[in-house]
Protein backbone atom coordinates (compact mmCIF):
# COMPACT_ATOMS: atom_id res chain seq x y z
CA UNK A 1 0.00 -0.06 0.14
CA UNK A 2 2.66 2.45 0.93
CA UNK A 3 4.89 1.61 -1.87
CA UNK A 4 1.97 1.89 -4.47
CA UNK A 5 1.33 5.39 -2.76
CA UNK A 6 4.87 6.24 -3.29
CA UNK A 7 4.91 5.24 -6.73
CA UNK A 8 2.20 7.38 -7.39
CA UNK A 9 3.63 10.21 -5.84
CA UNK A 10 6.83 9.88 -7.48
CA UNK A 11 4.84 9.26 -10.89
CA UNK A 12 2.54 12.31 -10.58
CA UNK A 13 5.15 14.85 -9.04
CA UNK A 14 8.24 13.90 -11.21
CA UNK A 15 8.33 17.60 -12.73
CA UNK A 16 8.51 19.00 -9.08
CA UNK A 17 10.85 16.55 -7.88
CA UNK A 18 13.09 16.95 -11.03
CA UNK A 19 13.37 20.70 -10.36
CA UNK A 20 13.84 20.07 -6.50
CA UNK A 21 16.71 18.16 -6.96
CA UNK A 22 18.41 20.32 -9.72
CA UNK A 23 17.82 23.59 -7.61
CA UNK A 24 19.28 22.02 -4.72
CA UNK A 25 22.36 21.05 -6.57
CA UNK A 26 22.50 24.42 -8.51
CA UNK A 27 22.06 26.46 -5.22
CA UNK A 28 24.69 24.13 -3.59
CA UNK A 29 27.06 25.26 -6.34
CA UNK A 30 26.29 28.76 -6.11
CA UNK A 31 27.16 28.70 -2.49
CA UNK A 32 30.62 27.34 -3.81
CA UNK A 33 30.93 30.02 -6.28
CA UNK A 34 31.38 27.46 -8.94
CA UNK A 35 30.50 28.08 -12.62
CA UNK A 36 28.51 24.91 -13.27
CA UNK A 37 25.99 26.01 -10.97
CA UNK A 38 24.74 27.77 -13.93
CA UNK A 39 23.41 25.23 -16.17
CA UNK A 40 22.30 23.28 -13.62
CA UNK A 41 20.03 26.06 -12.31
CA UNK A 42 19.04 26.78 -15.94
CA UNK A 43 17.46 23.47 -15.75
CA UNK A 44 15.82 24.09 -12.57
CA UNK A 45 14.21 27.17 -13.81
CA UNK A 46 12.45 25.41 -16.55
CA UNK A 47 11.20 22.39 -14.52
CA UNK A 48 9.77 24.86 -12.14
CA UNK A 49 8.02 27.43 -14.63
CA UNK A 50 6.07 23.88 -15.39
CA UNK A 51 5.11 23.33 -11.91
CA UNK A 52 4.23 26.84 -11.02
CA UNK A 53 1.92 27.27 -13.96
CA UNK A 54 0.36 23.85 -13.04
CA UNK A 55 -0.31 25.37 -9.44
CA UNK A 56 -1.74 28.69 -10.99
CA UNK A 57 1.16 30.53 -9.28
CA UNK A 58 1.33 32.70 -12.12
CA UNK A 59 3.73 35.51 -11.03
CA UNK A 60 6.42 32.44 -9.72
CA UNK A 61 5.52 30.86 -13.16
CA UNK A 62 6.60 34.33 -14.60
CA UNK A 63 9.39 34.40 -12.30
CA UNK A 64 11.02 31.46 -13.82
CA UNK A 65 10.84 33.34 -17.39
CA UNK A 66 12.91 36.09 -15.94
CA UNK A 67 15.06 33.47 -13.87
CA UNK A 68 16.30 31.80 -17.34
CA UNK A 69 17.36 35.20 -18.52
CA UNK A 70 19.43 36.04 -15.22
CA UNK A 71 20.63 32.72 -15.40
CA UNK A 72 22.00 32.90 -18.68
CA UNK A 73 23.41 36.46 -17.65
CA UNK A 74 24.96 35.04 -14.38
CA UNK A 75 26.84 32.52 -16.04
CA UNK A 76 28.12 34.83 -18.47
CA UNK A 77 29.24 37.48 -15.85
CA UNK A 78 30.71 34.75 -13.71
CA UNK A 79 32.49 33.46 -16.51
CA UNK A 80 33.94 36.51 -17.61
CA UNK A 81 35.00 37.18 -14.01
CA UNK A 82 36.91 33.96 -13.84
CA UNK A 83 38.34 34.97 -17.09
CA UNK A 84 39.41 38.34 -15.73
CA UNK A 85 40.34 37.12 -12.20
CA UNK A 86 41.16 33.63 -12.02
CA UNK A 87 37.98 32.74 -9.79
CA UNK A 88 34.45 33.98 -9.16
CA UNK A 89 35.09 37.05 -6.77
CA UNK A 90 32.36 38.48 -4.87
CA UNK A 91 31.53 42.29 -5.75
CA UNK A 92 30.76 44.96 -3.32
CA UNK A 93 26.87 46.75 -3.35
CA UNK A 94 26.53 50.42 -3.52
CA UNK A 95 23.95 51.85 -1.19
CA UNK A 96 22.61 53.54 -3.98
CA UNK A 97 21.95 50.11 -5.78
CA UNK A 98 20.47 48.78 -2.84
CA UNK A 99 17.66 51.41 -2.61
CA UNK A 100 17.15 51.29 -6.27
CA UNK A 101 16.84 47.85 -5.98
CA UNK A 102 14.23 47.62 -3.17
CA UNK A 103 12.01 50.49 -4.99
CA UNK A 104 12.25 48.29 -8.28
CA UNK A 105 11.21 44.83 -5.92
CA UNK A 106 8.04 47.30 -4.89
CA UNK A 107 7.03 48.55 -8.00
CA UNK A 108 7.25 44.91 -9.44
CA UNK A 109 5.09 43.66 -6.58
CA UNK A 110 2.19 46.21 -7.23
CA UNK A 111 2.54 45.79 -11.19
CA UNK A 112 2.88 41.90 -11.04
CA UNK A 113 0.06 41.93 -8.25
CA UNK A 114 -2.27 43.91 -10.06
CA UNK A 115 -2.01 41.51 -13.30
CA UNK A 116 -2.20 38.41 -11.24
CA UNK A 117 -5.08 39.40 -9.52
CA UNK A 118 -6.90 40.45 -13.03
CA UNK A 119 -5.73 36.63 -14.07
CA UNK A 120 -7.56 35.05 -11.01
CA UNK A 121 -4.13 34.17 -9.80
CA UNK A 122 -3.44 32.29 -6.21
CA UNK A 123 -2.28 34.36 -3.62
CA UNK A 124 -1.65 37.56 -6.10
CA UNK A 125 -0.15 39.90 -3.78
CA UNK A 126 2.15 37.45 -1.89
CA UNK A 127 3.26 35.57 -4.91
CA UNK A 128 4.05 38.84 -6.89
CA UNK A 129 5.89 40.28 -3.92
CA UNK A 130 8.22 36.92 -3.18
CA UNK A 131 8.55 36.77 -7.36
CA UNK A 132 9.60 40.53 -7.47
CA UNK A 133 11.91 40.09 -4.54
CA UNK A 134 13.20 37.20 -5.87
CA UNK A 135 14.37 38.95 -9.00
CA UNK A 136 16.47 41.33 -6.89
CA UNK A 137 17.86 38.57 -5.39
CA UNK A 138 18.73 36.59 -8.65
CA UNK A 139 20.27 40.20 -9.83
CA UNK A 140 22.40 40.50 -7.09
CA UNK A 141 23.73 36.79 -7.28
CA UNK A 142 24.29 37.49 -10.90
CA UNK A 143 26.39 40.28 -10.06
CA UNK A 144 27.97 38.62 -7.34
CA UNK A 145 26.72 40.76 -4.57
CA UNK A 146 26.81 38.96 -0.93
CA UNK A 147 23.63 40.90 -0.07
CA UNK A 148 21.82 38.29 -2.05
CA UNK A 149 21.89 35.73 0.60
CA UNK A 150 20.28 37.86 3.13
CA UNK A 151 17.48 38.73 0.55
CA UNK A 152 17.34 34.76 -0.22
CA UNK A 153 16.71 33.86 3.45
CA UNK A 154 14.00 36.27 3.90
CA UNK A 155 12.42 35.48 0.57
CA UNK A 156 12.99 31.83 1.14
CA UNK A 157 11.51 31.67 4.57
CA UNK A 158 8.06 33.09 3.33
CA UNK A 159 7.92 30.99 0.30
CA UNK A 160 7.66 27.85 2.46
CA UNK A 161 4.52 29.24 3.75
CA UNK A 162 3.21 29.88 0.44
CA UNK A 163 4.14 26.34 -0.81
CA UNK A 164 2.59 24.72 2.38
CA UNK A 165 -0.54 26.49 1.68
CA UNK A 166 -0.72 25.34 -2.03
CA UNK A 167 0.19 21.80 -0.89
CA UNK A 168 3.25 21.87 -2.66
CA UNK A 169 5.32 19.75 0.10
CA UNK A 170 8.08 18.71 -1.84
CA UNK A 171 8.67 22.44 -2.71
CA UNK A 172 8.62 23.93 0.52
CA UNK A 173 11.12 21.09 1.91
CA UNK A 174 13.34 22.30 -0.71
CA UNK A 175 12.96 26.08 0.35
CA UNK A 176 13.50 24.99 3.98
CA UNK A 177 16.95 23.34 2.81
CA UNK A 178 17.48 26.62 0.47
CA UNK A 179 17.23 28.56 3.59
CA UNK A 180 20.02 26.51 4.97
CA UNK A 181 22.23 26.56 1.90
CA UNK A 182 21.24 30.73 1.62
CA UNK A 183 23.02 31.13 5.34
CA UNK A 184 26.08 28.95 4.11
CA UNK A 185 26.46 30.87 1.43
CA UNK A 186 26.29 33.98 3.09
CA UNK A 187 29.24 32.89 5.49
CA UNK A 188 31.33 31.29 2.49
CA UNK A 189 31.00 34.59 0.54
CA UNK A 190 31.99 36.61 3.31
CA UNK A 191 35.27 34.67 3.42
CA UNK A 192 35.65 35.16 -0.24
CA UNK A 193 38.00 37.23 -2.25
CA UNK A 194 36.41 40.71 -3.32
CA UNK A 195 36.72 41.81 -6.84
CA UNK A 196 38.92 44.82 -7.37
């Protein structure tokens, strides 16, 4: 009986489980500042695009499209940094850039939330807020700013609640693990060399 239920769960949720696995590996490699994180993260972005669309978390689905773009940019930016500096080095984040990013996150929340509400998406403003600030964190990550990990910790904690509410249990568990990986990334990136 348990074997049959487990098999049914695995078959029914293979896309979410594949996204789960590739996300975990991709983020772990990101904490280690390994260039290989980007192609693995690209696969995770595409898999979760399908998962979130099926769950009608439309802002999260749209977020995955942006993640694909940011992943490609991050891959290129990190590769360029390795070519120039011999390794992936972290970069300082200016106060003015922080303010602009936070304002962009708020504007994105309002815009995505309004669109998602009109489309009758589930949890339109919460989902929009998390999607918008995930874009900020992704941009900071692609630009190699340590602050990305602080923002990921906050966003991922809130995502856990959203995914539990939507019965995306594997994804909620993943985001719990991602909080731990973000703390690890924060610790390790603080020890990393800073770009000139």
